[in-house]
Amino acid sequence: MLTNYETPKRPVVHIFFIAPGCCYAGYSYTTNNSPFFMGIPRLRFPADAPSRSTLKLEEAFHVFIPADEWDERLANGMYAVDLGACPGGWTYQAGETQHVGFLCR
């Protein structure tokens, strides 16, 4: 795990303190951990967004779609369906990026 040189493929060491003087140690491979600091994306909540679910969709874009593929995979004219207990957040996010038509229920 320790190397004399920098490499992006080395494992990441995690230490979880459960009490003073007591912790769990583990590791994960770079291909199997979050790219965000502490595993939490720091996304800005738009003031006019109807719910926090807009951030969940934006996080999904960042995690599951490489940034260089956004223009192709989230192109104008595509459709999205916003279903849920309180629809609106995903519709807002999709509309903000002007990528989709809407079908809301």
PDB file of N, CA and C in Angstrom:
ATOM      1  N   MET A   1       0.813  -1.194   0.000  1.00  0.00           N
ATOM      2  CA  MET A   1       0.000   0.000   0.000  1.00  0.00           C
ATOM      3  C   MET A   1       0.858   1.260   0.000  1.00  0.00           C
ATOM      4  N   LEU A   2       1.956   1.253   0.701  1.00  0.00           N
ATOM      5  CA  LEU A   2       2.833   2.415   0.710  1.00  0.00           C
ATOM      6  C   LEU A   2       3.810   2.313  -0.453  1.00  0.00           C
ATOM      7  N   THR A   3       3.975   3.415  -1.145  1.00  0.00           N
ATOM      8  CA  THR A   3       4.903   3.440  -2.269  1.00  0.00           C
ATOM      9  C   THR A   3       5.803   4.657  -2.145  1.00  0.00           C
ATOM     10  N   ASN A   4       6.915   4.622  -2.859  1.00  0.00           N
ATOM     11  CA  ASN A   4       7.836   5.754  -2.878  1.00  0.00           C
ATOM     12  C   ASN A   4       7.478   6.772  -3.951  1.00  0.00           C
ATOM     13  N   TYR A   5       6.380   6.549  -4.642  1.00  0.00           N
ATOM     14  CA  TYR A   5       6.003   7.428  -5.737  1.00  0.00           C
ATOM     15  C   TYR A   5       4.489   7.619  -5.747  1.00  0.00           C
ATOM     16  N   GLU A   6       4.047   8.686  -6.372  1.00  0.00           N
ATOM     17  CA  GLU A   6       2.614   8.973  -6.492  1.00  0.00           C
ATOM     18  C   GLU A   6       2.008   8.114  -7.595  1.00  0.00           C
ATOM     19  N   THR A   7       0.866   7.539  -7.302  1.00  0.00           N
ATOM     20  CA  THR A   7       0.124   6.783  -8.303  1.00  0.00           C
ATOM     21  C   THR A   7      -1.361   6.886  -7.984  1.00  0.00           C
ATOM     22  N   PRO A   8      -2.183   7.174  -8.970  1.00  0.00           N
ATOM     23  CA  PRO A   8      -3.618   7.297  -8.707  1.00  0.00           C
ATOM     24  C   PRO A   8      -4.302   5.959  -8.453  1.00  0.00           C
ATOM     25  N   LYS A   9      -3.589   4.855  -8.649  1.00  0.00           N
ATOM     26  CA  LYS A   9      -4.206   3.536  -8.509  1.00  0.00           C
ATOM     27  C   LYS A   9      -3.962   2.888  -7.151  1.00  0.00           C
ATOM     28  N   ARG A  10      -3.264   3.557  -6.260  1.00  0.00           N
ATOM     29  CA  ARG A  10      -3.006   2.926  -4.969  1.00  0.00           C
ATOM     30  C   ARG A  10      -4.274   2.926  -4.113  1.00  0.00           C
ATOM     31  N   PRO A  11      -4.413   1.963  -3.213  1.00  0.00           N
ATOM     32  CA  PRO A  11      -5.592   1.907  -2.341  1.00  0.00           C
ATOM     33  C   PRO A  11      -5.660   3.121  -1.413  1.00  0.00           C
ATOM     34  N   VAL A  12      -6.857   3.392  -0.930  1.00  0.00           N
ATOM     35  CA  VAL A  12      -7.095   4.491   0.001  1.00  0.00           C
ATOM     36  C   VAL A  12      -7.308   3.888   1.385  1.00  0.00           C
ATOM     37  N   VAL A  13      -6.592   4.399   2.381  1.00  0.00           N
ATOM     38  CA  VAL A  13      -6.723   3.909   3.749  1.00  0.00           C
ATOM     39  C   VAL A  13      -7.811   4.711   4.457  1.00  0.00           C
ATOM     40  N   HIS A  14      -8.684   4.010   5.185  1.00  0.00           N
ATOM     41  CA  HIS A  14      -9.761   4.638   5.949  1.00  0.00           C
ATOM     42  C   HIS A  14      -9.585   4.276   7.417  1.00  0.00           C
ATOM     43  N   ILE A  15      -9.751   5.252   8.296  1.00  0.00           N
ATOM     44  CA  ILE A  15      -9.715   5.005   9.734  1.00  0.00           C
ATOM     45  C   ILE A  15     -10.978   5.602  10.328  1.00  0.00           C
ATOM     46  N   PHE A  16     -11.761   4.765  11.007  1.00  0.00           N
ATOM     47  CA  PHE A  16     -13.035   5.173  11.600  1.00  0.00           C
ATOM     48  C   PHE A  16     -12.914   5.062  13.116  1.00  0.00           C
ATOM     49  N   PHE A  17     -12.926   6.207  13.791  1.00  0.00           N
ATOM     50  CA  PHE A  17     -12.810   6.227  15.244  1.00  0.00           C
ATOM     51  C   PHE A  17     -14.180   6.015  15.869  1.00  0.00           C
ATOM     52  N   ILE A  18     -14.306   4.961  16.670  1.00  0.00           N
ATOM     53  CA  ILE A  18     -15.586   4.661  17.311  1.00  0.00           C
ATOM     54  C   ILE A  18     -15.621   5.128  18.763  1.00  0.00           C
ATOM     55  N   ALA A  19     -14.458   5.379  19.349  1.00  0.00           N
ATOM     56  CA  ALA A  19     -14.356   5.879  20.723  1.00  0.00           C
ATOM     57  C   ALA A  19     -12.924   6.381  20.909  1.00  0.00           C
ATOM     58  N   PRO A  20     -12.671   7.158  21.958  1.00  0.00           N
ATOM     59  CA  PRO A  20     -11.290   7.595  22.199  1.00  0.00           C
ATOM     60  C   PRO A  20     -10.353   6.388  22.328  1.00  0.00           C
ATOM     61  N   GLY A  21      -9.331   6.363  21.505  1.00  0.00           N
ATOM     62  CA  GLY A  21      -8.358   5.280  21.539  1.00  0.00           C
ATOM     63  C   GLY A  21      -8.796   3.991  20.875  1.00  0.00           C
ATOM     64  N   CYS A  22      -9.933   4.007  20.177  1.00  0.00           N
ATOM     65  CA  CYS A  22     -10.442   2.791  19.540  1.00  0.00           C
ATOM     66  C   CYS A  22     -10.927   3.124  18.130  1.00  0.00           C
ATOM     67  N   CYS A  23     -10.457   2.374  17.153  1.00  0.00           N
ATOM     68  CA  CYS A  23     -10.854   2.664  15.773  1.00  0.00           C
ATOM     69  C   CYS A  23     -10.850   1.392  14.936  1.00  0.00           C
ATOM     70  N   TYR A  24     -11.497   1.495  13.801  1.00  0.00           N
ATOM     71  CA  TYR A  24     -11.445   0.460  12.776  1.00  0.00           C
ATOM     72  C   TYR A  24     -10.597   0.994  11.637  1.00  0.00           C
ATOM     73  N   ALA A  25      -9.758   0.149  11.077  1.00  0.00           N
ATOM     74  CA  ALA A  25      -8.951   0.533   9.926  1.00  0.00           C
ATOM     75  C   ALA A  25      -9.335  -0.353   8.751  1.00  0.00           C
ATOM     76  N   GLY A  26      -9.333   0.232   7.589  1.00  0.00           N
ATOM     77  CA  GLY A  26      -9.647  -0.522   6.388  1.00  0.00           C
ATOM     78  C   GLY A  26      -9.084   0.185   5.171  1.00  0.00           C
ATOM     79  N   TYR A  27      -9.348  -0.366   4.019  1.00  0.00           N
ATOM     80  CA  TYR A  27      -8.897   0.275   2.793  1.00  0.00           C
ATOM     81  C   TYR A  27      -9.905   0.001   1.688  1.00  0.00           C
ATOM     82  N   SER A  28      -9.839   0.818   0.667  1.00  0.00           N
ATOM     83  CA  SER A  28     -10.655   0.597  -0.526  1.00  0.00           C
ATOM     84  C   SER A  28      -9.802   0.920  -1.740  1.00  0.00           C
ATOM     85  N   TYR A  29     -10.161   0.316  -2.838  1.00  0.00           N
ATOM     86  CA  TYR A  29      -9.453   0.598  -4.079  1.00  0.00           C
ATOM     87  C   TYR A  29      -9.974   1.898  -4.674  1.00  0.00           C
ATOM     88  N   THR A  30      -9.135   2.587  -5.409  1.00  0.00           N
ATOM     89  CA  THR A  30      -9.521   3.886  -5.958  1.00  0.00           C
ATOM     90  C   THR A  30     -10.702   3.782  -6.909  1.00  0.00           C
ATOM     91  N   THR A  31     -10.922   2.623  -7.478  1.00  0.00           N
ATOM     92  CA  THR A  31     -12.063   2.455  -8.384  1.00  0.00           C
ATOM     93  C   THR A  31     -13.352   2.161  -7.629  1.00  0.00           C
ATOM     94  N   ASN A  32     -13.262   2.043  -6.294  1.00  0.00           N
ATOM     95  CA  ASN A  32     -14.439   1.675  -5.516  1.00  0.00           C
ATOM     96  C   ASN A  32     -14.647   2.605  -4.314  1.00  0.00           C
ATOM     97  N   ASN A  33     -14.389   3.897  -4.492  1.00  0.00           N
ATOM     98  CA  ASN A  33     -14.698   4.856  -3.438  1.00  0.00           C
ATOM     99  C   ASN A  33     -15.136   6.176  -4.065  1.00  0.00           C
ATOM    100  N   SER A  34     -15.660   7.041  -3.255  1.00  0.00           N
ATOM    101  CA  SER A  34     -16.230   8.288  -3.756  1.00  0.00           C
ATOM    102  C   SER A  34     -15.144   9.272  -4.183  1.00  0.00           C
ATOM    103  N   PRO A  35     -15.349   9.974  -5.291  1.00  0.00           N
ATOM    104  CA  PRO A  35     -14.394  10.997  -5.695  1.00  0.00           C
ATOM    105  C   PRO A  35     -14.567  12.288  -4.892  1.00  0.00           C
ATOM    106  N   PHE A  36     -15.645  12.374  -4.099  1.00  0.00           N
ATOM    107  CA  PHE A  36     -15.937  13.583  -3.336  1.00  0.00           C
ATOM    108  C   PHE A  36     -15.276  13.527  -1.960  1.00  0.00           C
ATOM    109  N   PHE A  37     -14.867  14.677  -1.447  1.00  0.00           N
ATOM    110  CA  PHE A  37     -14.266  14.772  -0.124  1.00  0.00           C
ATOM    111  C   PHE A  37     -15.230  14.225   0.922  1.00  0.00           C
ATOM    112  N   MET A  38     -14.762  13.298   1.728  1.00  0.00           N
ATOM    113  CA  MET A  38     -15.566  12.631   2.764  1.00  0.00           C
ATOM    114  C   MET A  38     -16.769  11.897   2.177  1.00  0.00           C
ATOM    115  N   GLY A  39     -16.762  11.656   0.862  1.00  0.00           N
ATOM    116  CA  GLY A  39     -17.845  10.928   0.213  1.00  0.00           C
ATOM    117  C   GLY A  39     -19.102  11.737  -0.021  1.00  0.00           C
ATOM    118  N   ILE A  40     -19.049  13.041   0.251  1.00  0.00           N
ATOM    119  CA  ILE A  40     -20.239  13.885   0.148  1.00  0.00           C
ATOM    120  C   ILE A  40     -20.012  14.953  -0.921  1.00  0.00           C
ATOM    121  N   PRO A  41     -20.830  14.955  -1.978  1.00  0.00           N
ATOM    122  CA  PRO A  41     -20.677  16.010  -2.982  1.00  0.00           C
ATOM    123  C   PRO A  41     -21.139  17.351  -2.416  1.00  0.00           C
ATOM    124  N   ARG A  42     -20.406  18.389  -2.680  1.00  0.00           N
ATOM    125  CA  ARG A  42     -20.771  19.733  -2.228  1.00  0.00           C
ATOM    126  C   ARG A  42     -21.426  20.451  -3.405  1.00  0.00           C
ATOM    127  N   LEU A  43     -22.734  20.319  -3.485  1.00  0.00           N
ATOM    128  CA  LEU A  43     -23.493  20.912  -4.581  1.00  0.00           C
ATOM    129  C   LEU A  43     -24.286  22.097  -4.052  1.00  0.00           C
ATOM    130  N   ARG A  44     -24.425  23.115  -4.864  1.00  0.00           N
ATOM    131  CA  ARG A  44     -25.148  24.323  -4.463  1.00  0.00           C
ATOM    132  C   ARG A  44     -26.637  24.139  -4.700  1.00  0.00           C
ATOM    133  N   PHE A  45     -27.438  24.357  -3.657  1.00  0.00           N
ATOM    134  CA  PHE A  45     -28.891  24.241  -3.758  1.00  0.00           C
ATOM    135  C   PHE A  45     -29.448  25.517  -4.375  1.00  0.00           C
ATOM    136  N   PRO A  46     -30.106  25.411  -5.538  1.00  0.00           N
ATOM    137  CA  PRO A  46     -30.679  26.598  -6.177  1.00  0.00           C
ATOM    138  C   PRO A  46     -31.815  27.177  -5.330  1.00  0.00           C
ATOM    139  N   ALA A  47     -31.851  28.491  -5.179  1.00  0.00           N
ATOM    140  CA  ALA A  47     -32.853  29.152  -4.335  1.00  0.00           C
ATOM    141  C   ALA A  47     -34.272  28.883  -4.809  1.00  0.00           C
ATOM    142  N   ASP A  48     -34.474  28.745  -6.116  1.00  0.00           N
ATOM    143  CA  ASP A  48     -35.832  28.565  -6.635  1.00  0.00           C
ATOM    144  C   ASP A  48     -36.198  27.102  -6.890  1.00  0.00           C
ATOM    145  N   ALA A  49     -35.361  26.169  -6.470  1.00  0.00           N
ATOM    146  CA  ALA A  49     -35.673  24.742  -6.641  1.00  0.00           C
ATOM    147  C   ALA A  49     -36.773  24.340  -5.661  1.00  0.00           C
ATOM    148  N   PRO A  50     -37.714  23.499  -6.099  1.00  0.00           N
ATOM    149  CA  PRO A  50     -38.836  23.134  -5.236  1.00  0.00           C
ATOM    150  C   PRO A  50     -38.487  22.139  -4.128  1.00  0.00           C
ATOM    151  N   SER A  51     -37.397  21.376  -4.287  1.00  0.00           N
ATOM    152  CA  SER A  51     -37.041  20.387  -3.264  1.00  0.00           C
ATOM    153  C   SER A  51     -35.572  20.003  -3.407  1.00  0.00           C
ATOM    154  N   ARG A  52     -35.073  19.292  -2.387  1.00  0.00           N
ATOM    155  CA  ARG A  52     -33.677  18.854  -2.414  1.00  0.00           C
ATOM    156  C   ARG A  52     -33.436  17.739  -3.422  1.00  0.00           C
ATOM    157  N   SER A  53     -34.495  17.150  -3.944  1.00  0.00           N
ATOM    158  CA  SER A  53     -34.306  16.054  -4.899  1.00  0.00           C
ATOM    159  C   SER A  53     -33.582  16.521  -6.159  1.00  0.00           C
ATOM    160  N   THR A  54     -33.629  17.816  -6.443  1.00  0.00           N
ATOM    161  CA  THR A  54     -32.872  18.325  -7.594  1.00  0.00           C
ATOM    162  C   THR A  54     -31.381  18.052  -7.413  1.00  0.00           C
ATOM    163  N   LEU A  55     -30.901  18.133  -6.158  1.00  0.00           N
ATOM    164  CA  LEU A  55     -29.490  17.845  -5.895  1.00  0.00           C
ATOM    165  C   LEU A  55     -29.182  16.360  -6.048  1.00  0.00           C
ATOM    166  N   LYS A  56     -30.148  15.510  -5.750  1.00  0.00           N
ATOM    167  CA  LYS A  56     -29.945  14.071  -5.912  1.00  0.00           C
ATOM    168  C   LYS A  56     -29.747  13.718  -7.382  1.00  0.00           C
ATOM    169  N   LEU A  57     -30.519  14.363  -8.245  1.00  0.00           N
ATOM    170  CA  LEU A  57     -30.360  14.109  -9.673  1.00  0.00           C
ATOM    171  C   LEU A  57     -29.034  14.666 -10.172  1.00  0.00           C
ATOM    172  N   GLU A  58     -28.661  15.859  -9.701  1.00  0.00           N
ATOM    173  CA  GLU A  58     -27.374  16.419 -10.109  1.00  0.00           C
ATOM    174  C   GLU A  58     -26.224  15.523  -9.642  1.00  0.00           C
ATOM    175  N   GLU A  59     -26.323  14.993  -8.425  1.00  0.00           N
ATOM    176  CA  GLU A  59     -25.300  14.071  -7.930  1.00  0.00           C
ATOM    177  C   GLU A  59     -25.223  12.830  -8.810  1.00  0.00           C
ATOM    178  N   ALA A  60     -26.372  12.308  -9.220  1.00  0.00           N
ATOM    179  CA  ALA A  60     -26.387  11.140 -10.111  1.00  0.00           C
ATOM    180  C   ALA A  60     -25.699  11.458 -11.433  1.00  0.00           C
ATOM    181  N   PHE A  61     -25.925  12.667 -11.970  1.00  0.00           N
ATOM    182  CA  PHE A  61     -25.231  13.059 -13.202  1.00  0.00           C
ATOM    183  C   PHE A  61     -23.719  12.995 -12.983  1.00  0.00           C
ATOM    184  N   HIS A  62     -23.238  13.556 -11.875  1.00  0.00           N
ATOM    185  CA  HIS A  62     -21.797  13.597 -11.606  1.00  0.00           C
ATOM    186  C   HIS A  62     -21.210  12.203 -11.389  1.00  0.00           C
ATOM    187  N   VAL A  63     -21.954  11.323 -10.739  1.00  0.00           N
ATOM    188  CA  VAL A  63     -21.431  10.000 -10.391  1.00  0.00           C
ATOM    189  C   VAL A  63     -21.517   9.015 -11.554  1.00  0.00           C
ATOM    190  N   PHE A  64     -22.640   9.020 -12.275  1.00  0.00           N
ATOM    191  CA  PHE A  64     -22.884   7.974 -13.265  1.00  0.00           C
ATOM    192  C   PHE A  64     -22.615   8.375 -14.710  1.00  0.00           C
ATOM    193  N   ILE A  65     -22.489   9.664 -14.991  1.00  0.00           N
ATOM    194  CA  ILE A  65     -22.244  10.104 -16.365  1.00  0.00           C
ATOM    195  C   ILE A  65     -20.956  10.922 -16.387  1.00  0.00           C
ATOM    196  N   PRO A  66     -19.922  10.444 -17.068  1.00  0.00           N
ATOM    197  CA  PRO A  66     -18.683  11.221 -17.154  1.00  0.00           C
ATOM    198  C   PRO A  66     -18.952  12.608 -17.744  1.00  0.00           C
ATOM    199  N   ALA A  67     -18.292  13.620 -17.210  1.00  0.00           N
ATOM    200  CA  ALA A  67     -18.529  15.006 -17.620  1.00  0.00           C
ATOM    201  C   ALA A  67     -18.372  15.201 -19.127  1.00  0.00           C
ATOM    202  N   ASP A  68     -17.436  14.482 -19.746  1.00  0.00           N
ATOM    203  CA  ASP A  68     -17.237  14.650 -21.185  1.00  0.00           C
ATOM    204  C   ASP A  68     -18.357  14.021 -22.013  1.00  0.00           C
ATOM    205  N   GLU A  69     -19.280  13.278 -21.376  1.00  0.00           N
ATOM    206  CA  GLU A  69     -20.409  12.678 -22.089  1.00  0.00           C
ATOM    207  C   GLU A  69     -21.730  13.394 -21.817  1.00  0.00           C
ATOM    208  N   TRP A  70     -21.719  14.435 -20.987  1.00  0.00           N
ATOM    209  CA  TRP A  70     -22.961  15.126 -20.637  1.00  0.00           C
ATOM    210  C   TRP A  70     -23.687  15.665 -21.863  1.00  0.00           C
ATOM    211  N   ASP A  71     -22.970  16.320 -22.770  1.00  0.00           N
ATOM    212  CA  ASP A  71     -23.619  16.917 -23.950  1.00  0.00           C
ATOM    213  C   ASP A  71     -24.297  15.867 -24.814  1.00  0.00           C
ATOM    214  N   GLU A  72     -23.710  14.694 -24.896  1.00  0.00           N
ATOM    215  CA  GLU A  72     -24.277  13.623 -25.718  1.00  0.00           C
ATOM    216  C   GLU A  72     -25.411  12.896 -25.002  1.00  0.00           C
ATOM    217  N   ARG A  73     -25.200  12.551 -23.737  1.00  0.00           N
ATOM    218  CA  ARG A  73     -26.170  11.719 -23.015  1.00  0.00           C
ATOM    219  C   ARG A  73     -27.287  12.504 -22.348  1.00  0.00           C
ATOM    220  N   LEU A  74     -27.119  13.815 -22.237  1.00  0.00           N
ATOM    221  CA  LEU A  74     -28.162  14.682 -21.683  1.00  0.00           C
ATOM    222  C   LEU A  74     -28.490  15.762 -22.708  1.00  0.00           C
ATOM    223  N   ALA A  75     -28.761  15.329 -23.918  1.00  0.00           N
ATOM    224  CA  ALA A  75     -28.927  16.248 -25.044  1.00  0.00           C
ATOM    225  C   ALA A  75     -30.324  16.857 -25.090  1.00  0.00           C
ATOM    226  N   ASN A  76     -30.436  17.993 -25.763  1.00  0.00           N
ATOM    227  CA  ASN A  76     -31.731  18.627 -25.997  1.00  0.00           C
ATOM    228  C   ASN A  76     -32.658  17.662 -26.714  1.00  0.00           C
ATOM    229  N   GLY A  77     -33.938  17.742 -26.375  1.00  0.00           N
ATOM    230  CA  GLY A  77     -34.931  16.922 -27.039  1.00  0.00           C
ATOM    231  C   GLY A  77     -35.176  15.576 -26.389  1.00  0.00           C
ATOM    232  N   MET A  78     -34.411  15.232 -25.376  1.00  0.00           N
ATOM    233  CA  MET A  78     -34.633  13.971 -24.675  1.00  0.00           C
ATOM    234  C   MET A  78     -35.791  14.145 -23.695  1.00  0.00           C
ATOM    235  N   TYR A  79     -36.302  13.034 -23.183  1.00  0.00           N
ATOM    236  CA  TYR A  79     -37.438  13.075 -22.267  1.00  0.00           C
ATOM    237  C   TYR A  79     -37.049  12.539 -20.904  1.00  0.00           C
ATOM    238  N   ALA A  80     -37.718  13.063 -19.887  1.00  0.00           N
ATOM    239  CA  ALA A  80     -37.550  12.573 -18.519  1.00  0.00           C
ATOM    240  C   ALA A  80     -38.923  12.463 -17.894  1.00  0.00           C
ATOM    241  N   VAL A  81     -39.082  11.512 -17.006  1.00  0.00           N
ATOM    242  CA  VAL A  81     -40.331  11.348 -16.273  1.00  0.00           C
ATOM    243  C   VAL A  81     -40.033  11.621 -14.806  1.00  0.00           C
ATOM    244  N   ASP A  82     -40.765  12.549 -14.211  1.00  0.00           N
ATOM    245  CA  ASP A  82     -40.583  12.915 -12.810  1.00  0.00           C
ATOM    246  C   ASP A  82     -41.714  12.294 -12.004  1.00  0.00           C
ATOM    247  N   LEU A  83     -41.451  11.138 -11.397  1.00  0.00           N
ATOM    248  CA  LEU A  83     -42.440  10.444 -10.575  1.00  0.00           C
ATOM    249  C   LEU A  83     -41.952  10.439  -9.135  1.00  0.00           C
ATOM    250  N   GLY A  84     -42.838  10.613  -8.210  1.00  0.00           N
ATOM    251  CA  GLY A  84     -42.435  10.551  -6.812  1.00  0.00           C
ATOM    252  C   GLY A  84     -43.484  11.147  -5.907  1.00  0.00           C
ATOM    253  N   ALA A  85     -43.177  11.139  -4.616  1.00  0.00           N
ATOM    254  CA  ALA A  85     -44.117  11.651  -3.630  1.00  0.00           C
ATOM    255  C   ALA A  85     -44.306  13.155  -3.772  1.00  0.00           C
ATOM    256  N   CYS A  86     -43.278  13.843  -4.191  1.00  0.00           N
ATOM    257  CA  CYS A  86     -43.356  15.297  -4.351  1.00  0.00           C
ATOM    258  C   CYS A  86     -42.632  15.672  -5.639  1.00  0.00           C
ATOM    259  N   PRO A  87     -43.266  15.446  -6.786  1.00  0.00           N
ATOM    260  CA  PRO A  87     -42.597  15.745  -8.051  1.00  0.00           C
ATOM    261  C   PRO A  87     -42.218  17.215  -8.161  1.00  0.00           C
ATOM    262  N   GLY A  88     -41.206  17.467  -8.918  1.00  0.00           N
ATOM    263  CA  GLY A  88     -40.807  18.838  -9.174  1.00  0.00           C
ATOM    264  C   GLY A  88     -39.312  19.044  -9.146  1.00  0.00           C
ATOM    265  N   GLY A  89     -38.612  18.394  -8.226  1.00  0.00           N
ATOM    266  CA  GLY A  89     -37.170  18.593  -8.098  1.00  0.00           C
ATOM    267  C   GLY A  89     -36.407  18.132  -9.322  1.00  0.00           C
ATOM    268  N   TRP A  90     -36.758  16.967  -9.826  1.00  0.00           N
ATOM    269  CA  TRP A  90     -36.056  16.456 -11.003  1.00  0.00           C
ATOM    270  C   TRP A  90     -36.453  17.250 -12.236  1.00  0.00           C
ATOM    271  N   THR A  91     -37.723  17.629 -12.312  1.00  0.00           N
ATOM    272  CA  THR A  91     -38.169  18.448 -13.437  1.00  0.00           C
ATOM    273  C   THR A  91     -37.403  19.761 -13.444  1.00  0.00           C
ATOM    274  N   TYR A  92     -37.230  20.351 -12.275  1.00  0.00           N
ATOM    275  CA  TYR A  92     -36.471  21.599 -12.159  1.00  0.00           C
ATOM    276  C   TYR A  92     -35.044  21.392 -12.663  1.00  0.00           C
ATOM    277  N   GLN A  93     -34.372  20.333 -12.190  1.00  0.00           N
ATOM    278  CA  GLN A  93     -32.984  20.083 -12.571  1.00  0.00           C
ATOM    279  C   GLN A  93     -32.862  19.846 -14.070  1.00  0.00           C
ATOM    280  N   ALA A  94     -33.747  19.052 -14.622  1.00  0.00           N
ATOM    281  CA  ALA A  94     -33.703  18.772 -16.059  1.00  0.00           C
ATOM    282  C   ALA A  94     -33.971  20.040 -16.855  1.00  0.00           C
ATOM    283  N   GLY A  95     -34.882  20.867 -16.383  1.00  0.00           N
ATOM    284  CA  GLY A  95     -35.195  22.109 -17.080  1.00  0.00           C
ATOM    285  C   GLY A  95     -34.088  23.139 -16.980  1.00  0.00           C
ATOM    286  N   GLU A  96     -33.380  23.165 -15.848  1.00  0.00           N
ATOM    287  CA  GLU A  96     -32.283  24.108 -15.667  1.00  0.00           C
ATOM    288  C   GLU A  96     -31.183  23.872 -16.685  1.00  0.00           C
ATOM    289  N   THR A  97     -30.944  22.622 -16.999  1.00  0.00           N
ATOM    290  CA  THR A  97     -29.902  22.308 -17.970  1.00  0.00           C
ATOM    291  C   THR A  97     -30.456  22.281 -19.394  1.00  0.00           C
ATOM    292  N   GLN A  98     -31.757  22.527 -19.531  1.00  0.00           N
ATOM    293  CA  GLN A  98     -32.445  22.591 -20.825  1.00  0.00           C
ATOM    294  C   GLN A  98     -32.193  21.345 -21.658  1.00  0.00           C
ATOM    295  N   HIS A  99     -32.278  20.197 -21.010  1.00  0.00           N
ATOM    296  CA  HIS A  99     -31.959  18.963 -21.721  1.00  0.00           C
ATOM    297  C   HIS A  99     -33.170  18.168 -22.150  1.00  0.00           C
ATOM    298  N   VAL A 100     -34.330  18.385 -21.548  1.00  0.00           N
ATOM    299  CA  VAL A 100     -35.397  17.419 -21.759  1.00  0.00           C
ATOM    300  C   VAL A 100     -36.761  18.060 -21.918  1.00  0.00           C
ATOM    301  N   GLY A 101     -37.664  17.278 -22.504  1.00  0.00           N
ATOM    302  CA  GLY A 101     -39.086  17.592 -22.456  1.00  0.00           C
ATOM    303  C   GLY A 101     -39.640  16.961 -21.192  1.00  0.00           C
ATOM    304  N   PHE A 102     -40.861  17.310 -20.804  1.00  0.00           N
ATOM    305  CA  PHE A 102     -41.368  16.854 -19.512  1.00  0.00           C
ATOM    306  C   PHE A 102     -42.654  16.077 -19.639  1.00  0.00           C
ATOM    307  N   LEU A 103     -42.768  15.053 -18.833  1.00  0.00           N
ATOM    308  CA  LEU A 103     -43.996  14.304 -18.652  1.00  0.00           C
ATOM    309  C   LEU A 103     -44.114  14.104 -17.152  1.00  0.00           C
ATOM    310  N   CYS A 104     -44.985  14.877 -16.506  1.00  0.00           N
ATOM    311  CA  CYS A 104     -45.111  14.825 -15.048  1.00  0.00           C
ATOM    312  C   CYS A 104     -46.442  14.210 -14.674  1.00  0.00           C
ATOM    313  N   ARG A 105     -46.440  13.437 -13.635  1.00  0.00           N
ATOM    314  CA  ARG A 105     -47.672  12.804 -13.147  1.00  0.00           C
ATOM    315  C   ARG A 105     -47.739  12.971 -11.661  1.00  0.00           C
TER     316      ARG A 105
END
